[in-house]
Amino acid sequence: MSEPTREERVEAFLGAAAQRARDEAQSVPEATVQPTRYVVSCLPEDHINQRHFALGVEHRGHELWAVTRHGMCLGVDGEWDWEMRPSERDDDWLLTHRFFLDAALDRARQQAALITVNGHTVTDALRAHAEGGAR
Protein backbone atom coordinates (compact mmCIF):
# COMPACT_ATOMS: atom_id res chain seq x y z
CA MET A 1 0.00 0.00 0.00
CA SER A 2 1.39 3.39 -0.96
CA GLU A 3 1.66 6.47 1.23
CA PRO A 4 -1.31 8.92 0.74
CA THR A 5 -0.54 12.03 -1.30
CA ARG A 6 -0.58 15.49 0.24
CA GLU A 7 -3.91 16.21 -1.46
CA GLU A 8 -5.40 13.00 -0.03
CA ARG A 9 -4.17 13.90 3.47
CA VAL A 10 -5.65 17.42 3.17
CA GLU A 11 -8.95 16.01 1.88
CA ALA A 12 -9.07 13.50 4.77
CA PHE A 13 -8.32 16.25 7.30
CA LEU A 14 -11.01 18.56 5.90
CA GLY A 15 -13.52 15.71 5.73
CA ALA A 16 -12.85 14.80 9.36
CA ALA A 17 -13.21 18.44 10.42
CA ALA A 18 -16.51 18.75 8.54
CA GLN A 19 -17.80 15.57 10.19
CA ARG A 20 -16.72 16.83 13.63
CA ALA A 21 -18.59 20.10 12.99
CA ARG A 22 -21.75 18.17 12.02
CA ASP A 23 -21.42 16.02 15.15
CA GLU A 24 -20.95 19.05 17.41
CA ALA A 25 -23.54 21.32 15.75
CA GLN A 26 -26.34 20.39 18.15
CA SER A 27 -24.34 21.57 21.18
CA VAL A 28 -23.08 24.85 19.68
CA PRO A 29 -24.91 28.06 20.66
CA GLU A 30 -27.19 29.55 18.01
CA ALA A 31 -25.37 31.85 15.60
CA THR A 32 -25.88 35.57 15.99
CA VAL A 33 -26.23 38.01 13.11
CA GLN A 34 -25.01 41.58 13.30
CA PRO A 35 -25.14 44.09 10.48
CA THR A 36 -21.77 45.85 10.27
CA ARG A 37 -21.99 48.03 7.14
CA TYR A 38 -24.53 50.06 5.22
CA VAL A 39 -23.99 51.50 1.74
CA VAL A 40 -25.42 54.99 1.23
CA SER A 41 -25.71 56.50 -2.24
CA CYS A 42 -27.96 58.80 -4.25
CA LEU A 43 -27.48 56.57 -7.30
CA PRO A 44 -29.65 53.49 -7.81
CA GLU A 45 -28.16 50.14 -6.91
CA ASP A 46 -28.01 49.05 -10.57
CA HIS A 47 -26.17 52.21 -11.73
CA ILE A 48 -22.78 51.25 -13.16
CA ASN A 49 -21.02 53.91 -11.07
CA GLN A 50 -23.03 53.53 -7.87
CA ARG A 51 -20.05 52.18 -5.91
CA HIS A 52 -17.97 55.23 -6.82
CA PHE A 53 -20.68 57.56 -5.52
CA ALA A 54 -21.27 55.64 -2.30
CA LEU A 55 -20.40 56.10 1.35
CA GLY A 56 -20.12 53.42 3.99
CA VAL A 57 -21.65 53.53 7.43
CA GLU A 58 -19.57 51.00 9.33
CA HIS A 59 -19.93 49.58 12.81
CA ARG A 60 -16.95 50.41 15.01
CA GLY A 61 -18.04 48.78 18.27
CA HIS A 62 -19.83 49.94 21.40
CA GLU A 63 -22.95 50.89 19.35
CA LEU A 64 -20.90 53.50 17.45
CA TRP A 65 -20.62 53.90 13.69
CA ALA A 66 -18.28 55.69 11.29
CA VAL A 67 -19.19 57.35 7.99
CA THR A 68 -16.45 56.33 5.57
CA ARG A 69 -15.24 56.81 2.02
CA HIS A 70 -11.94 55.68 0.50
CA GLY A 71 -10.13 55.35 3.84
CA MET A 72 -11.48 58.65 5.13
CA CYS A 73 -13.84 59.21 8.00
CA LEU A 74 -16.42 61.98 8.44
CA GLY A 75 -16.08 64.16 11.51
CA VAL A 76 -18.88 65.82 13.45
CA ASP A 77 -17.72 69.11 11.89
CA GLY A 78 -18.56 67.78 8.40
CA GLU A 79 -14.89 67.52 7.43
CA TRP A 80 -13.25 64.35 6.14
CA ASP A 81 -10.10 63.02 7.83
CA TRP A 82 -7.93 60.01 7.12
CA GLU A 83 -8.95 57.24 9.46
CA MET A 84 -5.93 56.39 11.53
CA ARG A 85 -4.94 52.91 12.66
CA PRO A 86 -6.83 51.89 15.78
CA SER A 87 -3.68 52.13 17.89
CA GLU A 88 -3.19 55.77 16.82
CA ARG A 89 -6.71 56.99 17.59
CA ASP A 90 -7.07 58.92 20.83
CA ASP A 91 -10.32 59.53 22.70
CA ASP A 92 -10.72 63.07 21.32
CA TRP A 93 -10.48 61.81 17.73
CA LEU A 94 -12.96 59.02 18.41
CA LEU A 95 -15.44 61.42 20.03
CA THR A 96 -15.47 63.56 16.88
CA HIS A 97 -15.56 60.73 14.31
CA ARG A 98 -18.14 58.30 15.69
CA PHE A 99 -21.94 58.47 15.70
CA PHE A 100 -24.89 56.48 16.88
CA LEU A 101 -26.47 54.64 13.94
CA ASP A 102 -29.34 57.04 13.18
CA ALA A 103 -27.02 60.05 13.22
CA ALA A 104 -24.44 58.26 11.06
CA LEU A 105 -27.08 57.35 8.48
CA ASP A 106 -28.43 60.93 8.48
CA ARG A 107 -24.93 62.37 7.99
CA ALA A 108 -24.18 59.86 5.24
CA ARG A 109 -27.42 60.72 3.40
CA GLN A 110 -26.51 64.41 3.52
CA GLN A 111 -22.95 63.79 2.33
CA ALA A 112 -24.00 61.36 -0.44
CA ALA A 113 -25.55 64.23 -2.40
CA LEU A 114 -22.23 66.13 -2.30
CA ILE A 115 -19.97 63.45 -3.78
CA THR A 116 -18.03 64.28 -6.92
CA VAL A 117 -15.97 61.79 -8.90
CA ASN A 118 -13.44 63.10 -11.41
CA GLY A 119 -15.30 66.40 -11.52
CA HIS A 120 -18.70 64.77 -12.05
CA THR A 121 -21.49 65.34 -9.54
CA VAL A 122 -24.27 62.96 -8.56
CA THR A 123 -26.56 64.91 -10.91
CA ASP A 124 -24.09 64.42 -13.77
CA ALA A 125 -24.00 60.67 -13.15
CA LEU A 126 -27.79 60.43 -12.97
CA ARG A 127 -28.19 62.47 -16.17
CA ALA A 128 -25.66 60.36 -18.08
CA HIS A 129 -27.40 57.19 -16.88
CA ALA A 130 -30.79 58.50 -18.02
CA GLU A 131 -29.33 59.40 -21.41
CA GLY A 132 -28.01 55.87 -21.81
CA GLY A 133 -24.35 56.55 -21.06
CA ALA A 134 -22.22 55.89 -18.05
CA ARG A 135 -20.20 58.63 -16.46
C-alpha atoms as a PDB file:
ATOM      1  CA  MET A   1       0.000   0.000   0.000  1.00  0.00           C
ATOM      2  CA  SER A   2       1.387   3.386  -0.959  1.00  0.00           C
ATOM      3  CA  GLU A   3       1.657   6.472   1.231  1.00  0.00           C
ATOM      4  CA  PRO A   4      -1.311   8.921   0.737  1.00  0.00           C
ATOM      5  CA  THR A   5      -0.544  12.027  -1.299  1.00  0.00           C
ATOM      6  CA  ARG A   6      -0.579  15.487   0.238  1.00  0.00           C
ATOM      7  CA  GLU A   7      -3.914  16.207  -1.465  1.00  0.00           C
ATOM      8  CA  GLU A   8      -5.403  13.001  -0.033  1.00  0.00           C
ATOM      9  CA  ARG A   9      -4.171  13.903   3.465  1.00  0.00           C
ATOM     10  CA  VAL A  10      -5.651  17.417   3.175  1.00  0.00           C
ATOM     11  CA  GLU A  11      -8.949  16.006   1.881  1.00  0.00           C
ATOM     12  CA  ALA A  12      -9.074  13.504   4.765  1.00  0.00           C
ATOM     13  CA  PHE A  13      -8.317  16.245   7.305  1.00  0.00           C
ATOM     14  CA  LEU A  14     -11.007  18.559   5.901  1.00  0.00           C
ATOM     15  CA  GLY A  15     -13.519  15.713   5.726  1.00  0.00           C
ATOM     16  CA  ALA A  16     -12.847  14.801   9.362  1.00  0.00           C
ATOM     17  CA  ALA A  17     -13.207  18.441  10.421  1.00  0.00           C
ATOM     18  CA  ALA A  18     -16.507  18.752   8.536  1.00  0.00           C
ATOM     19  CA  GLN A  19     -17.802  15.568  10.189  1.00  0.00           C
ATOM     20  CA  ARG A  20     -16.725  16.828  13.627  1.00  0.00           C
ATOM     21  CA  ALA A  21     -18.591  20.099  12.987  1.00  0.00           C
ATOM     22  CA  ARG A  22     -21.747  18.171  12.024  1.00  0.00           C
ATOM     23  CA  ASP A  23     -21.420  16.015  15.154  1.00  0.00           C
ATOM     24  CA  GLU A  24     -20.946  19.051  17.413  1.00  0.00           C
ATOM     25  CA  ALA A  25     -23.536  21.321  15.747  1.00  0.00           C
ATOM     26  CA  GLN A  26     -26.340  20.386  18.149  1.00  0.00           C
ATOM     27  CA  SER A  27     -24.336  21.566  21.178  1.00  0.00           C
ATOM     28  CA  VAL A  28     -23.082  24.845  19.684  1.00  0.00           C
ATOM     29  CA  PRO A  29     -24.914  28.064  20.663  1.00  0.00           C
ATOM     30  CA  GLU A  30     -27.193  29.545  18.010  1.00  0.00           C
ATOM     31  CA  ALA A  31     -25.374  31.852  15.600  1.00  0.00           C
ATOM     32  CA  THR A  32     -25.884  35.567  15.992  1.00  0.00           C
ATOM     33  CA  VAL A  33     -26.234  38.012  13.109  1.00  0.00           C
ATOM     34  CA  GLN A  34     -25.014  41.582  13.300  1.00  0.00           C
ATOM     35  CA  PRO A  35     -25.136  44.091  10.476  1.00  0.00           C
ATOM     36  CA  THR A  36     -21.775  45.850  10.270  1.00  0.00           C
ATOM     37  CA  ARG A  37     -21.990  48.028   7.144  1.00  0.00           C
ATOM     38  CA  TYR A  38     -24.528  50.061   5.222  1.00  0.00           C
ATOM     39  CA  VAL A  39     -23.994  51.504   1.741  1.00  0.00           C
ATOM     40  CA  VAL A  40     -25.419  54.992   1.230  1.00  0.00           C
ATOM     41  CA  SER A  41     -25.709  56.498  -2.244  1.00  0.00           C
ATOM     42  CA  CYS A  42     -27.957  58.799  -4.246  1.00  0.00           C
ATOM     43  CA  LEU A  43     -27.480  56.566  -7.302  1.00  0.00           C
ATOM     44  CA  PRO A  44     -29.649  53.491  -7.813  1.00  0.00           C
ATOM     45  CA  GLU A  45     -28.158  50.141  -6.914  1.00  0.00           C
ATOM     46  CA  ASP A  46     -28.011  49.047 -10.575  1.00  0.00           C
ATOM     47  CA  HIS A  47     -26.174  52.207 -11.733  1.00  0.00           C
ATOM     48  CA  ILE A  48     -22.777  51.247 -13.163  1.00  0.00           C
ATOM     49  CA  ASN A  49     -21.020  53.908 -11.069  1.00  0.00           C
ATOM     50  CA  GLN A  50     -23.026  53.529  -7.868  1.00  0.00           C
ATOM     51  CA  ARG A  51     -20.050  52.183  -5.915  1.00  0.00           C
ATOM     52  CA  HIS A  52     -17.967  55.230  -6.824  1.00  0.00           C
ATOM     53  CA  PHE A  53     -20.679  57.564  -5.524  1.00  0.00           C
ATOM     54  CA  ALA A  54     -21.273  55.636  -2.302  1.00  0.00           C
ATOM     55  CA  LEU A  55     -20.397  56.097   1.346  1.00  0.00           C
ATOM     56  CA  GLY A  56     -20.120  53.423   3.988  1.00  0.00           C
ATOM     57  CA  VAL A  57     -21.648  53.534   7.428  1.00  0.00           C
ATOM     58  CA  GLU A  58     -19.570  51.000   9.332  1.00  0.00           C
ATOM     59  CA  HIS A  59     -19.925  49.581  12.806  1.00  0.00           C
ATOM     60  CA  ARG A  60     -16.947  50.408  15.009  1.00  0.00           C
ATOM     61  CA  GLY A  61     -18.041  48.776  18.265  1.00  0.00           C
ATOM     62  CA  HIS A  62     -19.833  49.942  21.398  1.00  0.00           C
ATOM     63  CA  GLU A  63     -22.950  50.887  19.347  1.00  0.00           C
ATOM     64  CA  LEU A  64     -20.895  53.504  17.451  1.00  0.00           C
ATOM     65  CA  TRP A  65     -20.617  53.898  13.691  1.00  0.00           C
ATOM     66  CA  ALA A  66     -18.282  55.692  11.295  1.00  0.00           C
ATOM     67  CA  VAL A  67     -19.194  57.353   7.988  1.00  0.00           C
ATOM     68  CA  THR A  68     -16.445  56.325   5.573  1.00  0.00           C
ATOM     69  CA  ARG A  69     -15.236  56.806   2.017  1.00  0.00           C
ATOM     70  CA  HIS A  70     -11.936  55.675   0.497  1.00  0.00           C
ATOM     71  CA  GLY A  71     -10.134  55.347   3.837  1.00  0.00           C
ATOM     72  CA  MET A  72     -11.480  58.646   5.126  1.00  0.00           C
ATOM     73  CA  CYS A  73     -13.839  59.210   8.003  1.00  0.00           C
ATOM     74  CA  LEU A  74     -16.424  61.976   8.437  1.00  0.00           C
ATOM     75  CA  GLY A  75     -16.076  64.159  11.512  1.00  0.00           C
ATOM     76  CA  VAL A  76     -18.877  65.822  13.452  1.00  0.00           C
ATOM     77  CA  ASP A  77     -17.723  69.108  11.890  1.00  0.00           C
ATOM     78  CA  GLY A  78     -18.558  67.785   8.398  1.00  0.00           C
ATOM     79  CA  GLU A  79     -14.892  67.525   7.427  1.00  0.00           C
ATOM     80  CA  TRP A  80     -13.247  64.354   6.142  1.00  0.00           C
ATOM     81  CA  ASP A  81     -10.100  63.024   7.829  1.00  0.00           C
ATOM     82  CA  TRP A  82      -7.930  60.013   7.125  1.00  0.00           C
ATOM     83  CA  GLU A  83      -8.949  57.244   9.456  1.00  0.00           C
ATOM     84  CA  MET A  84      -5.928  56.388  11.528  1.00  0.00           C
ATOM     85  CA  ARG A  85      -4.944  52.915  12.658  1.00  0.00           C
ATOM     86  CA  PRO A  86      -6.827  51.894  15.783  1.00  0.00           C
ATOM     87  CA  SER A  87      -3.677  52.131  17.893  1.00  0.00           C
ATOM     88  CA  GLU A  88      -3.189  55.773  16.819  1.00  0.00           C
ATOM     89  CA  ARG A  89      -6.715  56.991  17.587  1.00  0.00           C
ATOM     90  CA  ASP A  90      -7.070  58.925  20.826  1.00  0.00           C
ATOM     91  CA  ASP A  91     -10.316  59.533  22.704  1.00  0.00           C
ATOM     92  CA  ASP A  92     -10.722  63.068  21.320  1.00  0.00           C
ATOM     93  CA  TRP A  93     -10.477  61.808  17.733  1.00  0.00           C
ATOM     94  CA  LEU A  94     -12.960  59.020  18.412  1.00  0.00           C
ATOM     95  CA  LEU A  95     -15.441  61.415  20.030  1.00  0.00           C
ATOM     96  CA  THR A  96     -15.465  63.556  16.885  1.00  0.00           C
ATOM     97  CA  HIS A  97     -15.563  60.728  14.307  1.00  0.00           C
ATOM     98  CA  ARG A  98     -18.144  58.302  15.693  1.00  0.00           C
ATOM     99  CA  PHE A  99     -21.937  58.472  15.695  1.00  0.00           C
ATOM    100  CA  PHE A 100     -24.893  56.477  16.883  1.00  0.00           C
ATOM    101  CA  LEU A 101     -26.466  54.641  13.939  1.00  0.00           C
ATOM    102  CA  ASP A 102     -29.343  57.041  13.185  1.00  0.00           C
ATOM    103  CA  ALA A 103     -27.022  60.054  13.223  1.00  0.00           C
ATOM    104  CA  ALA A 104     -24.443  58.256  11.062  1.00  0.00           C
ATOM    105  CA  LEU A 105     -27.084  57.354   8.478  1.00  0.00           C
ATOM    106  CA  ASP A 106     -28.432  60.929   8.476  1.00  0.00           C
ATOM    107  CA  ARG A 107     -24.928  62.372   7.991  1.00  0.00           C
ATOM    108  CA  ALA A 108     -24.184  59.858   5.242  1.00  0.00           C
ATOM    109  CA  ARG A 109     -27.422  60.721   3.396  1.00  0.00           C
ATOM    110  CA  GLN A 110     -26.512  64.414   3.524  1.00  0.00           C
ATOM    111  CA  GLN A 111     -22.951  63.788   2.334  1.00  0.00           C
ATOM    112  CA  ALA A 112     -23.997  61.358  -0.438  1.00  0.00           C
ATOM    113  CA  ALA A 113     -25.546  64.228  -2.400  1.00  0.00           C
ATOM    114  CA  LEU A 114     -22.234  66.131  -2.297  1.00  0.00           C
ATOM    115  CA  ILE A 115     -19.973  63.450  -3.783  1.00  0.00           C
ATOM    116  CA  THR A 116     -18.029  64.275  -6.920  1.00  0.00           C
ATOM    117  CA  VAL A 117     -15.972  61.787  -8.899  1.00  0.00           C
ATOM    118  CA  ASN A 118     -13.436  63.100 -11.410  1.00  0.00           C
ATOM    119  CA  GLY A 119     -15.296  66.403 -11.517  1.00  0.00           C
ATOM    120  CA  HIS A 120     -18.701  64.765 -12.047  1.00  0.00           C
ATOM    121  CA  THR A 121     -21.485  65.340  -9.536  1.00  0.00           C
ATOM    122  CA  VAL A 122     -24.269  62.960  -8.563  1.00  0.00           C
ATOM    123  CA  THR A 123     -26.560  64.909 -10.906  1.00  0.00           C
ATOM    124  CA  ASP A 124     -24.085  64.422 -13.772  1.00  0.00           C
ATOM    125  CA  ALA A 125     -23.996  60.672 -13.146  1.00  0.00           C
ATOM    126  CA  LEU A 126     -27.794  60.427 -12.974  1.00  0.00           C
ATOM    127  CA  ARG A 127     -28.190  62.471 -16.174  1.00  0.00           C
ATOM    128  CA  ALA A 128     -25.656  60.356 -18.076  1.00  0.00           C
ATOM    129  CA  HIS A 129     -27.397  57.190 -16.884  1.00  0.00           C
ATOM    130  CA  ALA A 130     -30.795  58.504 -18.016  1.00  0.00           C
ATOM    131  CA  GLU A 131     -29.332  59.402 -21.415  1.00  0.00           C
ATOM    132  CA  GLY A 132     -28.013  55.867 -21.810  1.00  0.00           C
ATOM    133  CA  GLY A 133     -24.347  56.546 -21.057  1.00  0.00           C
ATOM    134  CA  ALA A 134     -22.224  55.894 -18.049  1.00  0.00           C
ATOM    135  CA  ARG A 135     -20.203  58.628 -16.458  1.00  0.00           C
END
